[in-house]
C-alpha atoms as a PDB file:
ATOM      1  CA  MET A   1      24.896  99.796 157.548  1.00  0.00           C
ATOM      2  CA  ILE A   2      26.868 103.283 158.170  1.00  0.00           C
ATOM      3  CA  ALA A   3      26.066 106.321 157.564  1.00  0.00           C
ATOM      4  CA  TYR A   4      28.904 108.835 157.228  1.00  0.00           C
ATOM      5  CA  SER A   5      28.365 113.088 158.211  1.00  0.00           C
ATOM      6  CA  ASP A   6      29.727 114.150 154.551  1.00  0.00           C
ATOM      7  CA  GLY A   7      25.918 111.761 153.126  1.00  0.00           C
ATOM      8  CA  GLU A   8      27.726 108.320 152.325  1.00  0.00           C
ATOM      9  CA  VAL A   9      25.870 105.296 153.797  1.00  0.00           C
ATOM     10  CA  ARG A  10      27.535 101.530 153.318  1.00  0.00           C
ATOM     11  CA  ARG A  11      27.300  98.095 154.956  1.00  0.00           C
ATOM     12  CA  GLN A  12      30.252  97.975 156.343  1.00  0.00           C
ATOM     13  CA  PHE A  13      32.044  94.118 157.776  1.00  0.00           C
ATOM     14  CA  ASN A  14      34.712  93.830 160.051  1.00  0.00           C
ATOM     15  CA  VAL A  15      36.650  91.658 160.946  1.00  0.00           C
ATOM     16  CA  CYS A  16      39.722  91.300 163.157  1.00  0.00           C
ATOM     17  CA  PHE A  17      42.052  88.424 165.276  1.00  0.00           C
ATOM     18  CA  ARG A  18      43.987  88.186 167.798  1.00  0.00           C
ATOM     19  CA  ALA A  19      47.332  88.057 167.660  1.00  0.00           C
ATOM     20  CA  ARG A  20      51.210  87.210 168.189  1.00  0.00           C
ATOM     21  CA  VAL A  21      53.775  88.664 166.476  1.00  0.00           C
ATOM     22  CA  VAL A  22      56.158  85.907 165.218  1.00  0.00           C
ATOM     23  CA  GLY A  23      58.417  86.780 162.444  1.00  0.00           C
ATOM     24  CA  GLY A  24      58.047  89.198 159.469  1.00  0.00           C
ATOM     25  CA  GLY A  25      57.167  92.590 159.188  1.00  0.00           C
ATOM     26  CA  LEU A  26      54.047  95.053 159.186  1.00  0.00           C
ATOM     27  CA  THR A  27      53.020  96.744 155.326  1.00  0.00           C
ATOM     28  CA  VAL A  28      50.489  98.706 154.474  1.00  0.00           C
ATOM     29  CA  SER A  29      48.985  97.005 151.548  1.00  0.00           C
ATOM     30  CA  ASP A  30      47.144  98.828 148.165  1.00  0.00           C
ATOM     31  CA  GLU A  31      43.669  99.040 150.827  1.00  0.00           C
ATOM     32  CA  SER A  32      45.750 100.620 153.010  1.00  0.00           C
ATOM     33  CA  HIS A  33      48.041 104.227 153.674  1.00  0.00           C
ATOM     34  CA  GLU A  34      49.413 103.108 156.693  1.00  0.00           C
ATOM     35  CA  ALA A  35      49.819  99.911 159.146  1.00  0.00           C
ATOM     36  CA  SER A  36      50.802 100.143 163.471  1.00  0.00           C
ATOM     37  CA  TRP A  37      51.296  97.581 167.164  1.00  0.00           C
ATOM     38  CA  PHE A  38      48.506  98.917 169.823  1.00  0.00           C
ATOM     39  CA  THR A  39      48.228  97.534 172.691  1.00  0.00           C
ATOM     40  CA  ALA A  40      45.143  97.077 174.470  1.00  0.00           C
ATOM     41  CA  GLU A  41      45.358 100.708 176.217  1.00  0.00           C
ATOM     42  CA  GLU A  42      46.120 102.601 173.479  1.00  0.00           C
ATOM     43  CA  ILE A  43      42.872 100.698 171.192  1.00  0.00           C
ATOM     44  CA  ALA A  44      40.561 102.118 173.753  1.00  0.00           C
ATOM     45  CA  GLY A  45      41.464 106.429 173.587  1.00  0.00           C
ATOM     46  CA  SER A  46      41.110 106.029 169.877  1.00  0.00           C
ATOM     47  CA  ASP A  47      38.947 107.814 167.563  1.00  0.00           C
ATOM     48  CA  MET A  48      37.019 104.556 165.235  1.00  0.00           C
ATOM     49  CA  HIS A  49      32.998 103.949 164.247  1.00  0.00           C
ATOM     50  CA  HIS A  50      31.017 102.313 167.541  1.00  0.00           C
ATOM     51  CA  THR A  51      30.804  98.812 165.698  1.00  0.00           C
ATOM     52  CA  GLN A  52      34.826  98.258 165.353  1.00  0.00           C
ATOM     53  CA  ARG A  53      35.058  99.525 168.572  1.00  0.00           C
ATOM     54  CA  LEU A  54      32.603  95.607 169.911  1.00  0.00           C
ATOM     55  CA  CYS A  55      35.358  93.972 167.287  1.00  0.00           C
ATOM     56  CA  VAL A  56      37.640  94.880 169.211  1.00  0.00           C
ATOM     57  CA  GLU A  57      36.677  95.269 172.901  1.00  0.00           C
ATOM     58  CA  HIS A  58      35.064  91.442 172.039  1.00  0.00           C
ATOM     59  CA  ALA A  59      38.145  90.488 170.652  1.00  0.00           C
ATOM     60  CA  LEU A  60      40.038  92.035 173.962  1.00  0.00           C
ATOM     61  CA  SER A  61      38.014  90.466 176.594  1.00  0.00           C
ATOM     62  CA  ARG A  62      37.208  87.665 175.322  1.00  0.00           C
ATOM     63  CA  ASP A  63      38.461  83.829 174.517  1.00  0.00           C
ATOM     64  CA  THR A  64      36.043  82.289 171.545  1.00  0.00           C
ATOM     65  CA  PRO A  65      35.609  83.890 168.345  1.00  0.00           C
ATOM     66  CA  HIS A  66      31.937  85.600 168.031  1.00  0.00           C
ATOM     67  CA  ALA A  67      30.273  86.673 164.452  1.00  0.00           C
ATOM     68  CA  GLY A  68      28.392  89.960 164.918  1.00  0.00           C
END
């Protein structure tokens, strides 16, 4: 559960994929307004909820799938 400073409370589900680009282009959808590629170094300094950071850090540091 995540309680935001504006009073909103929600259950969040994070899915992180480690991938490599093989073609095509990065685009937005109805659920997003921006999409970008980031290096591991750029991610380290980005602002995100601690549950998202745990997921990303796990994906960058291990070779095995993880459910958390």
